[in-house]
Amino acid sequence: MTTNVSDDVNIKKNINGSLVTGIILIIFGIIAIAIPTISTIFAETWFAVILISSGFAKLVYATQTRDRGGFFWKLLLSGLYIATGVMLFVYPKTGILTLTLLLGSFLLTEGVFELILAFRLRPQQNWTWVLGDGIITLILGAMIWFQWPFNAPWILGTLVGVSVLFTGVSRVMLSLNTRSFLNKSDTTASA
């Protein structure tokens, strides 16, 4: 019986932790949307740090596996990661321009692929959802491309902010749903 009580306490702690995390993510998402230029620089710098860290991890892997072949190519790949990350870190404005153009290109390509997929799925029910997704993605990519470089200072930060905001909202909603379910289970079990 004590394991059930301690399990219930642990589950409720996890739900409360998830709820608090969701609220924090909502706050960070709103801040990122409110000050998109700063959040764009933060996102670009974070990406640079990830590339540099990945480059060093690849370098360690290359030295650990140098007897397995391809050592030179592994070194080149790790150097590419590190050099790209350092360039993004040292020249953040150029990095922001590049990442924004890359994002626009990605969304345009994804939109075209989604449209092709939608027409391939046309005989199936609800294929129009894929079509709508493709059209919206294509429009977003075109908006980024045709407004580049003027949108570069704020677009990445805004998109990151929206993503963080909706991640927080979904986490809060799932936590509240789980809490409600547990409360109903406790009420049913005690009755």
Protein backbone atom coordinates (compact mmCIF):
# COMPACT_ATOMS: atom_id res chain seq x y z
CA MET A 1 0.00 0.00 0.00
CA THR A 2 2.89 2.39 0.71
CA THR A 3 4.27 1.90 -2.80
CA ASN A 4 0.93 3.07 -4.21
CA VAL A 5 1.00 6.18 -2.04
CA SER A 6 4.64 6.95 -2.93
CA ASP A 7 3.90 6.26 -6.61
CA ASP A 8 0.95 8.67 -6.46
CA VAL A 9 3.14 11.31 -4.81
CA ASN A 10 5.85 10.84 -7.49
CA ILE A 11 3.29 11.06 -10.29
CA LYS A 12 1.81 14.25 -8.83
CA LYS A 13 5.34 15.72 -8.43
CA ASN A 14 6.08 14.92 -12.07
CA ILE A 15 2.80 16.49 -13.19
CA ASN A 16 3.48 19.62 -11.13
CA GLY A 17 7.04 19.79 -12.53
CA SER A 18 5.70 19.44 -16.05
CA LEU A 19 3.11 22.14 -15.37
CA VAL A 20 5.76 24.54 -14.02
CA THR A 21 8.02 23.79 -17.00
CA GLY A 22 5.14 24.52 -19.35
CA ILE A 23 4.43 27.85 -17.66
CA ILE A 24 8.12 28.79 -17.86
CA LEU A 25 8.19 27.88 -21.56
CA ILE A 26 5.10 30.03 -22.17
CA ILE A 27 6.80 32.98 -20.46
CA PHE A 28 10.02 32.47 -22.47
CA GLY A 29 8.00 32.14 -25.68
CA ILE A 30 6.19 35.42 -25.02
CA ILE A 31 9.49 37.16 -24.21
CA ALA A 32 11.07 35.79 -27.43
CA ILE A 33 8.13 37.06 -29.48
CA ALA A 34 8.16 40.44 -27.69
CA ILE A 35 11.87 41.03 -28.35
CA PRO A 36 12.51 39.07 -31.57
CA THR A 37 15.83 40.71 -32.43
CA ILE A 38 17.43 39.58 -29.18
CA SER A 39 15.90 36.11 -29.42
CA THR A 40 17.16 35.86 -33.04
CA ILE A 41 20.70 36.60 -31.86
CA PHE A 42 20.25 34.11 -29.01
CA ALA A 43 19.01 31.40 -31.42
CA GLU A 44 21.88 32.04 -33.84
CA THR A 45 24.45 31.95 -31.02
CA TRP A 46 22.92 28.78 -29.61
CA PHE A 47 23.14 27.17 -33.05
CA ALA A 48 26.81 28.23 -33.25
CA VAL A 49 27.56 26.66 -29.86
CA ILE A 50 25.82 23.44 -30.91
CA LEU A 51 27.91 23.28 -34.10
CA ILE A 52 31.16 23.92 -32.21
CA SER A 53 30.30 21.27 -29.60
CA SER A 54 29.35 18.78 -32.29
CA GLY A 55 32.60 19.51 -34.11
CA PHE A 56 34.66 18.76 -31.03
CA ALA A 57 32.64 15.58 -30.40
CA LYS A 58 33.36 14.52 -33.99
CA LEU A 59 37.04 15.33 -33.46
CA VAL A 60 37.18 13.10 -30.38
CA TYR A 61 35.38 10.35 -32.31
CA ALA A 62 37.82 10.71 -35.21
CA THR A 63 40.84 10.29 -32.93
CA GLN A 64 39.27 7.34 -31.12
CA THR A 65 38.48 5.53 -34.37
CA ARG A 66 41.50 6.54 -36.46
CA ASP A 67 42.47 2.90 -36.98
CA ARG A 68 39.09 2.09 -38.61
CA GLY A 69 39.64 4.16 -41.75
CA GLY A 70 38.39 7.49 -42.99
CA PHE A 71 40.36 9.41 -40.38
CA PHE A 72 41.19 12.29 -42.74
CA TRP A 73 37.54 12.72 -43.74
CA LYS A 74 36.39 12.58 -40.14
CA LEU A 75 38.91 15.31 -39.32
CA LEU A 76 37.68 17.42 -42.22
CA LEU A 77 34.07 16.98 -41.13
CA SER A 78 34.86 17.95 -37.55
CA GLY A 79 36.82 20.95 -38.85
CA LEU A 80 33.83 22.00 -40.96
CA TYR A 81 31.53 21.88 -37.94
CA ILE A 82 33.96 23.82 -35.75
CA ALA A 83 34.79 26.41 -38.42
CA THR A 84 31.12 27.00 -39.27
CA GLY A 85 30.21 27.32 -35.59
CA VAL A 86 33.08 29.73 -34.92
CA MET A 87 32.12 31.84 -37.96
CA LEU A 88 28.51 32.01 -36.80
CA PHE A 89 29.71 32.94 -33.31
CA VAL A 90 32.18 35.60 -34.47
CA TYR A 91 29.93 37.08 -37.18
CA PRO A 92 26.41 36.80 -35.80
CA LYS A 93 24.80 39.24 -38.26
CA THR A 94 26.10 37.29 -41.24
CA GLY A 95 25.01 34.10 -39.53
CA ILE A 96 21.52 35.46 -39.02
CA LEU A 97 21.27 36.41 -42.70
CA THR A 98 22.50 32.99 -43.76
CA LEU A 99 20.26 31.05 -41.38
CA THR A 100 17.22 33.10 -42.42
CA LEU A 101 17.89 32.43 -46.11
CA LEU A 102 18.43 28.76 -45.30
CA LEU A 103 15.14 28.63 -43.40
CA GLY A 104 13.29 30.25 -46.31
CA SER A 105 14.83 27.76 -48.74
CA PHE A 106 13.93 24.86 -46.47
CA LEU A 107 10.30 26.00 -46.14
CA LEU A 108 9.96 26.55 -49.90
CA THR A 109 11.32 23.06 -50.59
CA GLU A 110 9.18 21.49 -47.88
CA GLY A 111 6.10 23.27 -49.26
CA VAL A 112 6.72 21.93 -52.76
CA PHE A 113 7.23 18.40 -51.40
CA GLU A 114 4.06 18.66 -49.31
CA LEU A 115 2.07 19.77 -52.39
CA ILE A 116 3.42 16.83 -54.41
CA LEU A 117 2.57 14.48 -51.53
CA ALA A 118 -0.93 15.96 -51.23
CA PHE A 119 -1.73 15.27 -54.88
CA ARG A 120 -0.32 11.74 -54.53
CA LEU A 121 -2.63 11.21 -51.53
CA ARG A 122 -5.59 12.75 -53.34
CA PRO A 123 -7.66 9.54 -53.49
CA GLN A 124 -7.48 9.26 -49.69
CA GLN A 125 -9.84 10.92 -47.29
CA ASN A 126 -8.55 14.14 -45.62
CA TRP A 127 -5.79 14.67 -48.22
CA THR A 128 -6.68 18.35 -48.19
CA TRP A 129 -4.99 18.73 -44.77
CA VAL A 130 -1.67 17.87 -46.39
CA LEU A 131 -2.51 20.25 -49.25
CA GLY A 132 -3.26 23.06 -46.77
CA ASP A 133 -0.04 22.35 -44.90
CA GLY A 134 1.91 22.51 -48.16
CA ILE A 135 0.32 25.78 -49.23
CA ILE A 136 0.92 27.45 -45.84
CA THR A 137 4.52 26.20 -45.72
CA LEU A 138 5.12 27.43 -49.27
CA ILE A 139 3.67 30.85 -48.41
CA LEU A 140 5.84 31.10 -45.27
CA GLY A 141 8.95 30.19 -47.27
CA ALA A 142 8.08 32.72 -49.96
CA MET A 143 7.47 35.42 -47.35
CA ILE A 144 10.89 34.80 -45.84
CA TRP A 145 12.59 34.71 -49.25
CA PHE A 146 10.93 37.79 -50.72
CA GLN A 147 11.40 39.90 -47.59
CA TRP A 148 15.01 38.81 -47.05
CA PRO A 149 17.29 40.41 -45.77
CA PHE A 150 14.89 42.89 -44.14
CA ASN A 151 13.16 40.19 -42.07
CA ALA A 152 16.39 38.51 -40.93
CA PRO A 153 16.78 40.44 -37.65
CA TRP A 154 13.42 39.29 -36.29
CA ILE A 155 12.07 36.23 -38.14
CA LEU A 156 14.16 33.52 -36.46
CA GLY A 157 13.46 34.88 -32.98
CA THR A 158 9.76 35.17 -33.69
CA LEU A 159 9.54 31.60 -35.02
CA VAL A 160 11.54 30.24 -32.08
CA GLY A 161 9.30 32.21 -29.71
CA VAL A 162 6.13 30.83 -31.30
CA SER A 163 7.53 27.30 -31.12
CA VAL A 164 8.52 27.66 -27.45
CA LEU A 165 5.15 29.25 -26.62
CA PHE A 166 3.16 26.42 -28.20
CA THR A 167 5.41 23.79 -26.60
CA GLY A 168 4.65 25.39 -23.24
CA VAL A 169 0.91 25.55 -23.94
CA SER A 170 0.81 21.90 -24.99
CA ARG A 171 2.78 20.85 -21.90
CA VAL A 172 0.45 22.82 -19.60
CA MET A 173 -2.64 21.34 -21.28
CA LEU A 174 -1.28 17.78 -21.05
CA SER A 175 -0.38 18.30 -17.39
CA LEU A 176 -3.80 19.69 -16.56
CA ASN A 177 -5.44 16.84 -18.46
CA THR A 178 -3.38 14.26 -16.55
CA ARG A 179 -4.09 16.01 -13.24
CA SER A 180 -7.82 16.00 -14.01
CA PHE A 181 -7.67 12.31 -14.93
CA LEU A 182 -5.86 11.45 -11.70
CA ASN A 183 -8.33 13.46 -9.63
CA LYS A 184 -11.23 11.57 -11.26
CA SER A 185 -9.42 8.26 -10.61
CA ASP A 186 -8.88 9.20 -6.94
CA THR A 187 -12.56 10.18 -6.60
CA THR A 188 -13.72 6.95 -8.24
CA ALA A 189 -11.34 4.80 -6.16
CA SER A 190 -12.44 6.35 -2.85
CA ALA A 191 -16.14 5.99 -3.67
